[in-house]
Amino acid sequence: MVNTPADTVTTSEIAIFARLLSNAKGVMSPRLARYVLTLGFSDNEQARMEDLADRNQRGRTTPDEREQLMSYVKAGHLLALLHSKARKALKSRKDR
């Protein structure tokens, strides 16, 4: 295992999982990239997130609901990161 300075490697769950989906060079395979770009939240999940966010802004969420909202936020960040990596992987294939 290669030792790297702690400040150069992101160790959040999101960053670790994103690295798991990449090869050693940090680039997704085209097949995986195309699949990742199909992933997204369902209409029901989007409605739930909007409801939680709206109620949270008005101070009307329970601690459990705030935790659920933060889980959606983290999942959304992971999805955005994966989509970005997928688009980059497919673009780099076209540039060759």
N, C-alpha and C. Protein backbone atom coordinates (compact mmCIF):
# COMPACT_ATOMS: atom_id res chain seq x y z
N MET A 1 0.83 -1.17 0.00
CA MET A 1 0.00 0.00 0.00
C MET A 1 0.88 1.25 0.00
N VAL A 2 0.53 2.22 -0.81
CA VAL A 2 1.32 3.43 -0.92
C VAL A 2 0.90 4.42 0.16
N ASN A 3 1.87 4.96 0.85
CA ASN A 3 1.58 5.99 1.85
C ASN A 3 1.57 7.34 1.19
N THR A 4 0.53 8.11 1.44
CA THR A 4 0.44 9.46 0.91
C THR A 4 0.10 10.41 2.03
N PRO A 5 0.52 11.66 1.91
CA PRO A 5 0.17 12.62 2.96
C PRO A 5 -1.34 12.71 3.12
N ALA A 6 -1.80 12.83 4.35
CA ALA A 6 -3.24 12.85 4.64
C ALA A 6 -3.95 13.98 3.91
N ASP A 7 -3.27 15.11 3.69
CA ASP A 7 -3.95 16.23 3.05
C ASP A 7 -4.09 16.06 1.55
N THR A 8 -3.50 15.04 0.94
CA THR A 8 -3.62 14.86 -0.51
C THR A 8 -4.65 13.81 -0.89
N VAL A 9 -5.18 13.09 0.08
CA VAL A 9 -6.16 12.04 -0.21
C VAL A 9 -7.45 12.35 0.55
N THR A 10 -8.55 12.42 -0.19
CA THR A 10 -9.84 12.66 0.45
C THR A 10 -10.35 11.33 1.00
N THR A 11 -10.74 11.32 2.27
CA THR A 11 -11.14 10.07 2.91
C THR A 11 -12.61 10.02 3.27
N SER A 12 -13.42 10.93 2.74
CA SER A 12 -14.85 10.84 3.02
C SER A 12 -15.40 9.57 2.39
N GLU A 13 -16.52 9.12 2.91
CA GLU A 13 -17.15 7.91 2.36
C GLU A 13 -17.44 8.09 0.87
N ILE A 14 -17.84 9.29 0.49
CA ILE A 14 -18.17 9.57 -0.90
C ILE A 14 -16.93 9.43 -1.78
N ALA A 15 -15.83 10.03 -1.37
CA ALA A 15 -14.61 9.96 -2.17
C ALA A 15 -14.07 8.54 -2.24
N ILE A 16 -14.12 7.83 -1.14
CA ILE A 16 -13.65 6.44 -1.13
C ILE A 16 -14.48 5.59 -2.08
N PHE A 17 -15.80 5.73 -2.02
CA PHE A 17 -16.67 4.93 -2.89
C PHE A 17 -16.45 5.29 -4.36
N ALA A 18 -16.27 6.56 -4.65
CA ALA A 18 -16.01 6.98 -6.03
C ALA A 18 -14.73 6.34 -6.54
N ARG A 19 -13.71 6.26 -5.69
CA ARG A 19 -12.45 5.62 -6.11
C ARG A 19 -12.65 4.12 -6.33
N LEU A 20 -13.53 3.50 -5.56
CA LEU A 20 -13.79 2.08 -5.75
C LEU A 20 -14.35 1.78 -7.15
N LEU A 21 -15.10 2.72 -7.69
CA LEU A 21 -15.72 2.51 -8.99
C LEU A 21 -14.80 2.86 -10.16
N SER A 22 -13.59 3.28 -9.86
CA SER A 22 -12.63 3.62 -10.90
C SER A 22 -11.51 2.58 -10.90
N ASN A 23 -10.81 2.53 -12.01
CA ASN A 23 -9.66 1.63 -12.04
C ASN A 23 -8.47 2.32 -11.39
N ALA A 24 -7.32 1.69 -11.40
CA ALA A 24 -6.14 2.24 -10.72
C ALA A 24 -5.73 3.61 -11.27
N LYS A 25 -6.11 3.91 -12.50
CA LYS A 25 -5.78 5.20 -13.09
C LYS A 25 -6.82 6.27 -12.77
N GLY A 26 -7.88 5.89 -12.06
CA GLY A 26 -8.89 6.85 -11.69
C GLY A 26 -9.89 7.16 -12.78
N VAL A 27 -9.96 6.32 -13.80
CA VAL A 27 -10.88 6.55 -14.91
C VAL A 27 -11.86 5.38 -15.00
N MET A 28 -13.13 5.69 -15.11
CA MET A 28 -14.14 4.64 -15.26
C MET A 28 -14.07 4.03 -16.64
N SER A 29 -14.43 2.77 -16.71
CA SER A 29 -14.56 2.15 -18.03
C SER A 29 -15.75 2.79 -18.74
N PRO A 30 -15.74 2.81 -20.07
CA PRO A 30 -16.88 3.40 -20.80
C PRO A 30 -18.21 2.73 -20.45
N ARG A 31 -18.18 1.42 -20.28
CA ARG A 31 -19.41 0.70 -19.95
C ARG A 31 -19.96 1.15 -18.60
N LEU A 32 -19.09 1.23 -17.60
CA LEU A 32 -19.52 1.68 -16.28
C LEU A 32 -19.97 3.14 -16.33
N ALA A 33 -19.25 3.97 -17.07
CA ALA A 33 -19.60 5.39 -17.17
C ALA A 33 -21.00 5.56 -17.76
N ARG A 34 -21.30 4.83 -18.81
CA ARG A 34 -22.64 4.93 -19.41
C ARG A 34 -23.72 4.49 -18.42
N TYR A 35 -23.45 3.45 -17.65
CA TYR A 35 -24.41 2.99 -16.65
C TYR A 35 -24.60 4.05 -15.55
N VAL A 36 -23.51 4.58 -15.05
CA VAL A 36 -23.58 5.57 -13.98
C VAL A 36 -24.43 6.76 -14.40
N LEU A 37 -24.34 7.16 -15.66
CA LEU A 37 -25.11 8.31 -16.14
C LEU A 37 -26.62 8.03 -16.18
N THR A 38 -27.01 6.78 -16.05
CA THR A 38 -28.45 6.45 -16.00
C THR A 38 -29.00 6.53 -14.58
N LEU A 39 -28.13 6.63 -13.59
CA LEU A 39 -28.56 6.62 -12.20
C LEU A 39 -29.12 7.98 -11.78
N GLY A 40 -30.15 7.94 -10.96
CA GLY A 40 -30.73 9.17 -10.44
C GLY A 40 -31.81 8.85 -9.42
N PHE A 41 -32.28 9.88 -8.76
CA PHE A 41 -33.33 9.70 -7.77
C PHE A 41 -34.68 9.52 -8.44
N SER A 42 -35.53 8.70 -7.84
CA SER A 42 -36.88 8.51 -8.35
C SER A 42 -37.70 9.77 -8.09
N ASP A 43 -38.84 9.87 -8.74
CA ASP A 43 -39.74 11.01 -8.52
C ASP A 43 -40.17 11.09 -7.06
N ASN A 44 -40.44 9.93 -6.44
CA ASN A 44 -40.84 9.92 -5.03
C ASN A 44 -39.72 10.43 -4.13
N GLU A 45 -38.48 10.01 -4.42
CA GLU A 45 -37.35 10.48 -3.61
C GLU A 45 -37.13 11.97 -3.81
N GLN A 46 -37.27 12.45 -5.03
CA GLN A 46 -37.11 13.88 -5.28
C GLN A 46 -38.16 14.69 -4.52
N ALA A 47 -39.39 14.20 -4.52
CA ALA A 47 -40.46 14.88 -3.79
C ALA A 47 -40.16 14.87 -2.29
N ARG A 48 -39.67 13.76 -1.78
CA ARG A 48 -39.32 13.68 -0.35
C ARG A 48 -38.21 14.66 -0.01
N MET A 49 -37.18 14.73 -0.86
CA MET A 49 -36.08 15.66 -0.61
C MET A 49 -36.57 17.11 -0.61
N GLU A 50 -37.42 17.44 -1.57
CA GLU A 50 -37.95 18.81 -1.64
C GLU A 50 -38.78 19.13 -0.39
N ASP A 51 -39.59 18.17 0.05
CA ASP A 51 -40.41 18.38 1.25
C ASP A 51 -39.51 18.57 2.47
N LEU A 52 -38.53 17.70 2.63
CA LEU A 52 -37.63 17.82 3.78
C LEU A 52 -36.86 19.14 3.75
N ALA A 53 -36.36 19.52 2.58
CA ALA A 53 -35.60 20.77 2.47
C ALA A 53 -36.47 21.97 2.79
N ASP A 54 -37.69 21.97 2.28
CA ASP A 54 -38.61 23.08 2.54
C ASP A 54 -38.94 23.18 4.02
N ARG A 55 -39.29 22.06 4.63
CA ARG A 55 -39.63 22.07 6.04
C ARG A 55 -38.42 22.40 6.91
N ASN A 56 -37.23 21.96 6.49
CA ASN A 56 -36.01 22.26 7.23
C ASN A 56 -35.72 23.76 7.21
N GLN A 57 -35.93 24.40 6.06
CA GLN A 57 -35.70 25.85 5.97
C GLN A 57 -36.66 26.62 6.88
N ARG A 58 -37.82 26.07 7.13
CA ARG A 58 -38.79 26.71 8.01
C ARG A 58 -38.66 26.26 9.46
N GLY A 59 -37.64 25.41 9.72
CA GLY A 59 -37.41 24.94 11.09
C GLY A 59 -38.46 23.95 11.57
N ARG A 60 -39.03 23.18 10.66
CA ARG A 60 -40.12 22.27 11.03
C ARG A 60 -39.77 20.79 10.80
N THR A 61 -38.51 20.45 10.96
CA THR A 61 -38.12 19.04 10.83
C THR A 61 -37.71 18.48 12.18
N THR A 62 -37.92 17.18 12.34
CA THR A 62 -37.46 16.49 13.54
C THR A 62 -35.98 16.16 13.36
N PRO A 63 -35.30 15.81 14.43
CA PRO A 63 -33.90 15.38 14.29
C PRO A 63 -33.74 14.21 13.30
N ASP A 64 -34.66 13.27 13.32
CA ASP A 64 -34.59 12.13 12.39
C ASP A 64 -34.76 12.59 10.94
N GLU A 65 -35.64 13.55 10.73
CA GLU A 65 -35.85 14.06 9.37
C GLU A 65 -34.64 14.85 8.89
N ARG A 66 -33.99 15.60 9.78
CA ARG A 66 -32.77 16.32 9.40
C ARG A 66 -31.67 15.34 9.04
N GLU A 67 -31.60 14.25 9.78
CA GLU A 67 -30.62 13.21 9.46
C GLU A 67 -30.91 12.58 8.10
N GLN A 68 -32.19 12.35 7.83
CA GLN A 68 -32.57 11.80 6.53
C GLN A 68 -32.22 12.79 5.42
N LEU A 69 -32.48 14.06 5.64
CA LEU A 69 -32.15 15.08 4.65
C LEU A 69 -30.65 15.09 4.37
N MET A 70 -29.85 15.02 5.42
CA MET A 70 -28.39 15.00 5.24
C MET A 70 -27.95 13.75 4.49
N SER A 71 -28.62 12.64 4.71
CA SER A 71 -28.30 11.43 3.96
C SER A 71 -28.59 11.62 2.47
N TYR A 72 -29.71 12.27 2.16
CA TYR A 72 -30.02 12.58 0.77
C TYR A 72 -28.98 13.54 0.18
N VAL A 73 -28.56 14.51 0.97
CA VAL A 73 -27.54 15.46 0.49
C VAL A 73 -26.25 14.72 0.17
N LYS A 74 -25.82 13.85 1.05
CA LYS A 74 -24.59 13.09 0.82
C LYS A 74 -24.72 12.19 -0.40
N ALA A 75 -25.86 11.53 -0.53
CA ALA A 75 -26.08 10.66 -1.70
C ALA A 75 -26.10 11.49 -2.97
N GLY A 76 -26.69 12.67 -2.92
CA GLY A 76 -26.71 13.56 -4.08
C GLY A 76 -25.31 14.01 -4.47
N HIS A 77 -24.48 14.30 -3.47
CA HIS A 77 -23.09 14.68 -3.75
C HIS A 77 -22.34 13.52 -4.41
N LEU A 78 -22.55 12.32 -3.89
CA LEU A 78 -21.91 11.14 -4.49
C LEU A 78 -22.38 10.97 -5.92
N LEU A 79 -23.66 11.09 -6.16
CA LEU A 79 -24.19 10.93 -7.51
C LEU A 79 -23.61 11.99 -8.44
N ALA A 80 -23.52 13.23 -7.99
CA ALA A 80 -22.95 14.30 -8.82
C ALA A 80 -21.48 14.01 -9.13
N LEU A 81 -20.74 13.54 -8.14
CA LEU A 81 -19.34 13.20 -8.35
C LEU A 81 -19.19 12.07 -9.35
N LEU A 82 -20.01 11.04 -9.20
CA LEU A 82 -19.95 9.91 -10.11
C LEU A 82 -20.35 10.31 -11.53
N HIS A 83 -21.38 11.14 -11.65
CA HIS A 83 -21.78 11.63 -12.98
C HIS A 83 -20.64 12.42 -13.62
N SER A 84 -19.98 13.25 -12.85
CA SER A 84 -18.87 14.04 -13.36
C SER A 84 -17.73 13.14 -13.84
N LYS A 85 -17.38 12.15 -13.03
CA LYS A 85 -16.32 11.22 -13.42
C LYS A 85 -16.73 10.43 -14.67
N ALA A 86 -17.99 10.07 -14.77
CA ALA A 86 -18.46 9.31 -15.93
C ALA A 86 -18.38 10.16 -17.19
N ARG A 87 -18.84 11.41 -17.11
CA ARG A 87 -18.77 12.29 -18.28
C ARG A 87 -17.33 12.52 -18.70
N LYS A 88 -16.45 12.70 -17.72
CA LYS A 88 -15.03 12.90 -18.01
C LYS A 88 -14.43 11.66 -18.68
N ALA A 89 -14.80 10.49 -18.19
CA ALA A 89 -14.28 9.23 -18.77
C ALA A 89 -14.74 9.08 -20.21
N LEU A 90 -16.00 9.39 -20.48
CA LEU A 90 -16.50 9.25 -21.85
C LEU A 90 -15.92 10.32 -22.76
N LYS A 91 -15.72 11.52 -22.26
CA LYS A 91 -15.14 12.60 -23.06
C LYS A 91 -13.70 12.26 -23.42
N SER A 92 -12.93 11.74 -22.46
CA SER A 92 -11.53 11.42 -22.73
C SER A 92 -11.42 10.32 -23.79
N ARG A 93 -12.40 9.43 -23.85
CA ARG A 93 -12.39 8.39 -24.89
C ARG A 93 -12.63 8.99 -26.27
N LYS A 94 -13.48 10.01 -26.34
CA LYS A 94 -13.78 10.66 -27.62
C LYS A 94 -12.60 11.48 -28.12
N ASP A 95 -11.81 12.03 -27.19
CA ASP A 95 -10.68 12.88 -27.56
C ASP A 95 -9.50 12.09 -28.10
N ARG A 96 -9.53 10.82 -27.96
CA ARG A 96 -8.39 9.99 -28.43
C ARG A 96 -8.45 9.72 -29.89
